[in-house]
Amino acid sequence: MITEVFNRRTIANMEVALERACLLLPTGREKHQARLIIAETIIECATRGETSLGRLTETGYAAAMQFSASAHAARETEAAD
């Protein structure tokens, strides 16, 4: 369980970083999947010992941008077919 691995401050930072990163996502059916991917990326960052709010938020933003770019590319490919 995540509460057994990280202290309260780190968990709070992770939650804030996730919420901030998810603000970059469009609404719709892909949002849940994107949220999971972003959360996993933030957890990986914290596991490496990078637990500051700033670093976790940067990581979350990067994951959100990457997901958005790949989702956009997939939609363009579908539209071209």
N, C-alpha and C. Protein backbone atom coordinates (compact mmCIF):
# COMPACT_ATOMS: atom_id res chain seq x y z
N MET A 1 0.85 -1.17 0.00
CA MET A 1 0.00 0.00 0.00
C MET A 1 0.90 1.25 0.00
N ILE A 2 0.46 2.26 -0.69
CA ILE A 2 1.27 3.47 -0.87
C ILE A 2 1.53 4.19 0.46
N THR A 3 0.60 4.09 1.41
CA THR A 3 0.79 4.76 2.70
C THR A 3 1.87 4.11 3.54
N GLU A 4 2.24 2.90 3.19
CA GLU A 4 3.30 2.20 3.92
C GLU A 4 4.68 2.56 3.36
N VAL A 5 4.71 3.11 2.15
CA VAL A 5 5.98 3.41 1.49
C VAL A 5 6.39 4.87 1.68
N PHE A 6 5.41 5.77 1.64
CA PHE A 6 5.70 7.21 1.68
C PHE A 6 5.10 7.85 2.93
N ASN A 7 5.76 8.92 3.39
CA ASN A 7 5.22 9.64 4.54
C ASN A 7 4.07 10.54 4.11
N ARG A 8 3.39 11.12 5.09
CA ARG A 8 2.21 11.94 4.80
C ARG A 8 2.51 13.14 3.91
N ARG A 9 3.63 13.78 4.13
CA ARG A 9 3.99 14.96 3.34
C ARG A 9 4.21 14.58 1.87
N THR A 10 4.90 13.48 1.64
CA THR A 10 5.13 13.02 0.27
C THR A 10 3.82 12.66 -0.41
N ILE A 11 2.95 11.97 0.30
CA ILE A 11 1.65 11.61 -0.27
C ILE A 11 0.84 12.87 -0.60
N ALA A 12 0.86 13.84 0.27
CA ALA A 12 0.16 15.09 0.00
C ALA A 12 0.74 15.78 -1.23
N ASN A 13 2.07 15.81 -1.34
CA ASN A 13 2.71 16.40 -2.51
C ASN A 13 2.33 15.66 -3.79
N MET A 14 2.26 14.35 -3.69
CA MET A 14 1.90 13.53 -4.85
C MET A 14 0.46 13.83 -5.29
N GLU A 15 -0.44 13.97 -4.32
CA GLU A 15 -1.84 14.26 -4.64
C GLU A 15 -1.98 15.62 -5.31
N VAL A 16 -1.30 16.62 -4.78
CA VAL A 16 -1.36 17.97 -5.36
C VAL A 16 -0.77 17.96 -6.77
N ALA A 17 0.35 17.28 -6.94
CA ALA A 17 0.99 17.21 -8.26
C ALA A 17 0.07 16.53 -9.27
N LEU A 18 -0.61 15.48 -8.86
CA LEU A 18 -1.54 14.78 -9.75
C LEU A 18 -2.69 15.70 -10.15
N GLU A 19 -3.26 16.37 -9.19
CA GLU A 19 -4.38 17.27 -9.50
C GLU A 19 -3.95 18.40 -10.44
N ARG A 20 -2.79 18.95 -10.19
CA ARG A 20 -2.28 20.02 -11.07
C ARG A 20 -2.06 19.51 -12.49
N ALA A 21 -1.45 18.35 -12.61
CA ALA A 21 -1.18 17.80 -13.94
C ALA A 21 -2.47 17.47 -14.68
N CYS A 22 -3.46 16.99 -13.97
CA CYS A 22 -4.72 16.62 -14.62
C CYS A 22 -5.50 17.83 -15.12
N LEU A 23 -5.18 19.00 -14.61
CA LEU A 23 -5.81 20.22 -15.13
C LEU A 23 -5.43 20.47 -16.59
N LEU A 24 -4.32 19.89 -17.03
CA LEU A 24 -3.87 20.07 -18.41
C LEU A 24 -4.61 19.15 -19.38
N LEU A 25 -5.34 18.18 -18.86
CA LEU A 25 -5.99 17.18 -19.70
C LEU A 25 -7.35 17.66 -20.17
N PRO A 26 -7.71 17.31 -21.40
CA PRO A 26 -9.07 17.59 -21.85
C PRO A 26 -10.03 16.64 -21.15
N THR A 27 -11.27 17.02 -21.07
CA THR A 27 -12.25 16.11 -20.48
C THR A 27 -12.62 15.06 -21.51
N GLY A 28 -13.13 13.98 -21.05
CA GLY A 28 -13.55 12.94 -21.97
C GLY A 28 -13.16 11.57 -21.51
N ARG A 29 -13.38 10.63 -22.37
CA ARG A 29 -13.21 9.22 -22.01
C ARG A 29 -11.78 8.84 -21.71
N GLU A 30 -10.82 9.57 -22.25
CA GLU A 30 -9.41 9.23 -22.06
C GLU A 30 -8.86 9.75 -20.73
N LYS A 31 -9.60 10.59 -20.05
CA LYS A 31 -9.08 11.23 -18.85
C LYS A 31 -8.72 10.23 -17.75
N HIS A 32 -9.53 9.23 -17.55
CA HIS A 32 -9.24 8.25 -16.49
C HIS A 32 -7.93 7.53 -16.78
N GLN A 33 -7.75 7.08 -18.02
CA GLN A 33 -6.51 6.39 -18.40
C GLN A 33 -5.32 7.32 -18.22
N ALA A 34 -5.46 8.56 -18.64
CA ALA A 34 -4.37 9.53 -18.50
C ALA A 34 -4.03 9.74 -17.03
N ARG A 35 -5.04 9.84 -16.20
CA ARG A 35 -4.82 10.05 -14.76
C ARG A 35 -4.01 8.89 -14.17
N LEU A 36 -4.33 7.68 -14.57
CA LEU A 36 -3.58 6.52 -14.09
C LEU A 36 -2.12 6.58 -14.52
N ILE A 37 -1.88 6.94 -15.76
CA ILE A 37 -0.52 7.03 -16.28
C ILE A 37 0.26 8.11 -15.54
N ILE A 38 -0.37 9.25 -15.34
CA ILE A 38 0.29 10.35 -14.63
C ILE A 38 0.60 9.94 -13.19
N ALA A 39 -0.35 9.31 -12.54
CA ALA A 39 -0.15 8.86 -11.15
C ALA A 39 1.02 7.88 -11.06
N GLU A 40 1.09 6.94 -12.00
CA GLU A 40 2.19 5.99 -12.00
C GLU A 40 3.54 6.69 -12.18
N THR A 41 3.56 7.68 -13.04
CA THR A 41 4.80 8.43 -13.27
C THR A 41 5.21 9.21 -12.03
N ILE A 42 4.26 9.79 -11.36
CA ILE A 42 4.54 10.53 -10.12
C ILE A 42 5.05 9.57 -9.04
N ILE A 43 4.45 8.41 -8.94
CA ILE A 43 4.90 7.42 -7.96
C ILE A 43 6.33 6.98 -8.25
N GLU A 44 6.65 6.76 -9.51
CA GLU A 44 8.02 6.39 -9.89
C GLU A 44 9.01 7.47 -9.47
N CYS A 45 8.63 8.72 -9.68
CA CYS A 45 9.49 9.85 -9.31
C CYS A 45 9.73 9.85 -7.80
N ALA A 46 8.67 9.70 -7.04
CA ALA A 46 8.79 9.70 -5.58
C ALA A 46 9.61 8.50 -5.09
N THR A 47 9.46 7.38 -5.76
CA THR A 47 10.22 6.19 -5.39
C THR A 47 11.72 6.42 -5.56
N ARG A 48 12.09 7.24 -6.53
CA ARG A 48 13.51 7.58 -6.75
C ARG A 48 14.01 8.59 -5.71
N GLY A 49 13.13 9.03 -4.83
CA GLY A 49 13.53 9.96 -3.79
C GLY A 49 13.28 11.42 -4.11
N GLU A 50 12.71 11.68 -5.27
CA GLU A 50 12.39 13.05 -5.68
C GLU A 50 10.98 13.35 -5.21
N THR A 51 10.88 13.90 -4.00
CA THR A 51 9.57 14.03 -3.36
C THR A 51 9.11 15.47 -3.16
N SER A 52 9.86 16.45 -3.65
CA SER A 52 9.41 17.83 -3.48
C SER A 52 8.20 18.08 -4.36
N LEU A 53 7.35 18.99 -3.93
CA LEU A 53 6.16 19.31 -4.71
C LEU A 53 6.53 19.80 -6.10
N GLY A 54 7.56 20.61 -6.19
CA GLY A 54 7.99 21.13 -7.48
C GLY A 54 8.40 20.03 -8.44
N ARG A 55 9.20 19.10 -7.97
CA ARG A 55 9.68 18.02 -8.84
C ARG A 55 8.56 17.07 -9.24
N LEU A 56 7.69 16.76 -8.28
CA LEU A 56 6.57 15.87 -8.59
C LEU A 56 5.61 16.53 -9.58
N THR A 57 5.40 17.82 -9.42
CA THR A 57 4.52 18.55 -10.35
C THR A 57 5.12 18.59 -11.74
N GLU A 58 6.42 18.87 -11.83
CA GLU A 58 7.09 18.86 -13.15
C GLU A 58 6.93 17.50 -13.83
N THR A 59 7.11 16.46 -13.06
CA THR A 59 6.97 15.11 -13.59
C THR A 59 5.55 14.85 -14.07
N GLY A 60 4.59 15.28 -13.28
CA GLY A 60 3.18 15.12 -13.66
C GLY A 60 2.84 15.90 -14.92
N TYR A 61 3.33 17.14 -15.01
CA TYR A 61 3.09 17.95 -16.21
C TYR A 61 3.67 17.28 -17.44
N ALA A 62 4.89 16.77 -17.31
CA ALA A 62 5.54 16.11 -18.45
C ALA A 62 4.73 14.89 -18.89
N ALA A 63 4.24 14.11 -17.96
CA ALA A 63 3.45 12.93 -18.30
C ALA A 63 2.14 13.33 -18.96
N ALA A 64 1.51 14.39 -18.46
CA ALA A 64 0.26 14.87 -19.06
C ALA A 64 0.48 15.34 -20.49
N MET A 65 1.55 16.07 -20.70
CA MET A 65 1.85 16.57 -22.04
C MET A 65 2.16 15.41 -22.99
N GLN A 66 2.89 14.43 -22.51
CA GLN A 66 3.22 13.27 -23.34
C GLN A 66 1.96 12.49 -23.69
N PHE A 67 1.09 12.30 -22.72
CA PHE A 67 -0.16 11.58 -22.98
C PHE A 67 -1.01 12.35 -23.98
N SER A 68 -1.13 13.65 -23.79
CA SER A 68 -1.94 14.47 -24.70
C SER A 68 -1.40 14.42 -26.12
N ALA A 69 -0.07 14.47 -26.26
CA ALA A 69 0.54 14.42 -27.59
C ALA A 69 0.30 13.07 -28.25
N SER A 70 0.43 11.99 -27.49
CA SER A 70 0.23 10.66 -28.09
C SER A 70 -1.25 10.43 -28.42
N ALA A 71 -2.15 10.93 -27.58
CA ALA A 71 -3.58 10.80 -27.86
C ALA A 71 -3.96 11.60 -29.10
N HIS A 72 -3.38 12.79 -29.24
CA HIS A 72 -3.63 13.63 -30.41
C HIS A 72 -3.14 12.93 -31.67
N ALA A 73 -1.97 12.36 -31.62
CA ALA A 73 -1.41 11.65 -32.78
C ALA A 73 -2.28 10.46 -33.15
N ALA A 74 -2.79 9.75 -32.16
CA ALA A 74 -3.64 8.60 -32.43
C ALA A 74 -4.94 9.03 -33.10
N ARG A 75 -5.52 10.14 -32.63
CA ARG A 75 -6.74 10.65 -33.25
C ARG A 75 -6.50 11.07 -34.70
N GLU A 76 -5.34 11.69 -34.97
CA GLU A 76 -5.03 12.10 -36.33
C GLU A 76 -4.86 10.87 -37.24
N THR A 77 -4.26 9.83 -36.71
CA THR A 77 -4.08 8.60 -37.49
C THR A 77 -5.43 7.98 -37.81
N GLU A 78 -6.32 7.95 -36.83
CA GLU A 78 -7.67 7.40 -37.03
C GLU A 78 -8.43 8.23 -38.07
N ALA A 79 -8.28 9.53 -38.02
CA ALA A 79 -9.00 10.40 -38.95
C ALA A 79 -8.47 10.23 -40.38
N ALA A 80 -7.20 9.92 -40.51
CA ALA A 80 -6.59 9.76 -41.83
C ALA A 80 -7.00 8.44 -42.48
N ASP A 81 -7.36 7.46 -41.66
CA ASP A 81 -7.72 6.14 -42.21
C ASP A 81 -9.08 6.11 -42.80
